[in-house]
Amino acid sequence: MSHSGSRVALALAVALLMAATLEPGPRPQDPSPLACAAQEAEAPRPHCCFTNARYVGMCEGEPEKDETCAAIIEYLNNPQSQGKSYCGNTSIRGGWQQVPCEPKMKQD
């Protein structure tokens, strides 16, 4: 092999070695969980409905942006909870169940 041929081969080997040791660039991924959370934050909150044998009628409400229906029912069933005004500011704690909300009747 000639001197210039060995230089080309050496340069090529060095280039390949450097390319092999470099970290690959970022790969395309699914949207990050933060992007999903931002989209969900903009979505309308679900309507929650609860019943209790000691409460007249159905308790309806919409969770705040940092709440879920599960968090509300946990609050209502916790005998130590206080400070929120769910279900007409009821003091009834325990026995609450989440139920499907009935569609509202259209009024003419």
Protein backbone atom coordinates (compact mmCIF):
# COMPACT_ATOMS: atom_id res chain seq x y z
CA MET A 1 0.00 0.00 0.00
CA SER A 2 1.37 3.44 -0.79
CA HIS A 3 1.93 6.18 1.72
CA SER A 4 -1.01 8.24 0.48
CA GLY A 5 -3.25 5.16 0.47
CA SER A 6 -2.39 4.36 4.08
CA ARG A 7 -3.10 7.98 5.07
CA VAL A 8 -6.55 7.77 3.50
CA ALA A 9 -7.19 4.46 5.23
CA LEU A 10 -5.99 5.89 8.56
CA ALA A 11 -8.14 9.04 8.13
CA LEU A 12 -11.13 6.86 7.28
CA ALA A 13 -10.53 4.63 10.32
CA VAL A 14 -10.24 7.69 12.60
CA ALA A 15 -13.45 9.17 11.16
CA LEU A 16 -15.34 5.90 11.70
CA LEU A 17 -13.99 5.57 15.23
CA MET A 18 -15.06 9.12 16.08
CA ALA A 19 -18.50 8.57 14.58
CA ALA A 20 -18.93 5.38 16.61
CA THR A 21 -18.07 7.10 19.89
CA LEU A 22 -20.36 10.11 19.45
CA GLU A 23 -23.74 10.00 21.16
CA PRO A 24 -26.64 9.67 18.77
CA GLY A 25 -28.84 12.72 18.41
CA PRO A 26 -32.23 12.87 20.07
CA ARG A 27 -34.66 10.39 18.65
CA PRO A 28 -38.25 11.38 17.92
CA GLN A 29 -40.48 10.27 20.76
CA ASP A 30 -44.07 10.27 21.75
CA PRO A 31 -45.22 13.58 23.19
CA SER A 32 -43.92 14.08 26.68
CA PRO A 33 -46.25 13.47 29.64
CA LEU A 34 -46.11 17.20 30.35
CA ALA A 35 -47.57 17.93 26.92
CA CYS A 36 -50.43 15.53 27.67
CA ALA A 37 -50.99 17.13 31.06
CA ALA A 38 -51.18 20.55 29.43
CA GLN A 39 -53.77 19.31 26.96
CA GLU A 40 -55.79 17.67 29.73
CA ALA A 41 -55.67 20.85 31.78
CA GLU A 42 -57.39 22.67 28.93
CA ALA A 43 -60.05 19.98 28.52
CA PRO A 44 -63.36 20.53 30.32
CA ARG A 45 -63.49 18.97 33.77
CA PRO A 46 -65.80 15.97 34.22
CA HIS A 47 -69.03 16.51 36.07
CA CYS A 48 -69.25 14.46 39.30
CA CYS A 49 -72.37 13.13 40.99
CA PHE A 50 -72.64 11.56 44.45
CA THR A 51 -75.40 10.13 46.61
CA ASN A 52 -75.74 9.46 50.31
CA ALA A 53 -78.69 7.95 52.19
CA ARG A 54 -78.50 10.83 54.69
CA TYR A 55 -78.46 13.53 51.99
CA VAL A 56 -81.63 14.59 50.16
CA GLY A 57 -81.18 14.48 46.40
CA MET A 58 -78.04 14.11 44.39
CA CYS A 59 -74.87 16.07 45.02
CA GLU A 60 -73.44 17.42 41.78
CA GLY A 61 -70.29 19.34 41.14
CA GLU A 62 -67.32 19.97 38.93
CA PRO A 63 -63.84 19.44 40.32
CA GLU A 64 -61.41 22.33 40.40
CA LYS A 65 -58.42 22.15 38.07
CA ASP A 66 -56.31 20.25 40.61
CA GLU A 67 -59.09 17.85 41.72
CA THR A 68 -60.76 14.68 40.50
CA CYS A 69 -64.10 13.08 41.32
CA ALA A 70 -62.16 10.48 43.32
CA ALA A 71 -60.57 13.23 45.43
CA ILE A 72 -63.98 14.76 46.15
CA ILE A 73 -65.51 11.46 47.28
CA GLU A 74 -62.43 10.78 49.41
CA TYR A 75 -62.98 14.17 51.07
CA LEU A 76 -66.71 13.50 51.62
CA ASN A 77 -66.02 10.08 53.16
CA ASN A 78 -63.23 11.32 55.48
CA PRO A 79 -64.69 12.10 58.93
CA GLN A 80 -61.82 14.53 59.61
CA SER A 81 -62.22 16.61 56.44
CA GLN A 82 -63.32 20.22 56.61
CA GLY A 83 -62.92 23.47 54.76
CA LYS A 84 -64.55 22.77 51.39
CA SER A 85 -68.13 23.43 50.40
CA TYR A 86 -69.20 20.37 48.44
CA CYS A 87 -72.87 19.36 48.31
CA GLY A 88 -74.26 22.59 49.68
CA ASN A 89 -71.56 22.71 52.38
CA THR A 90 -72.87 19.50 53.94
CA SER A 91 -71.35 18.20 57.14
CA ILE A 92 -72.28 14.61 56.26
CA ARG A 93 -69.12 12.50 56.21
CA GLY A 94 -69.08 8.83 55.21
CA GLY A 95 -71.46 6.77 53.13
CA TRP A 96 -71.00 8.73 49.90
CA GLN A 97 -70.99 6.88 46.60
CA GLN A 98 -70.18 8.17 43.15
CA VAL A 99 -72.96 7.58 40.64
CA PRO A 100 -73.36 8.37 36.95
CA CYS A 101 -74.74 11.85 36.40
CA GLU A 102 -78.19 11.92 34.86
CA PRO A 103 -78.49 13.97 31.70
CA LYS A 104 -80.18 17.28 32.32
CA MET A 105 -83.62 17.71 30.80
CA LYS A 106 -83.74 20.25 28.04
CA GLN A 107 -86.06 23.09 28.95
CA ASP A 108 -87.90 25.03 26.28
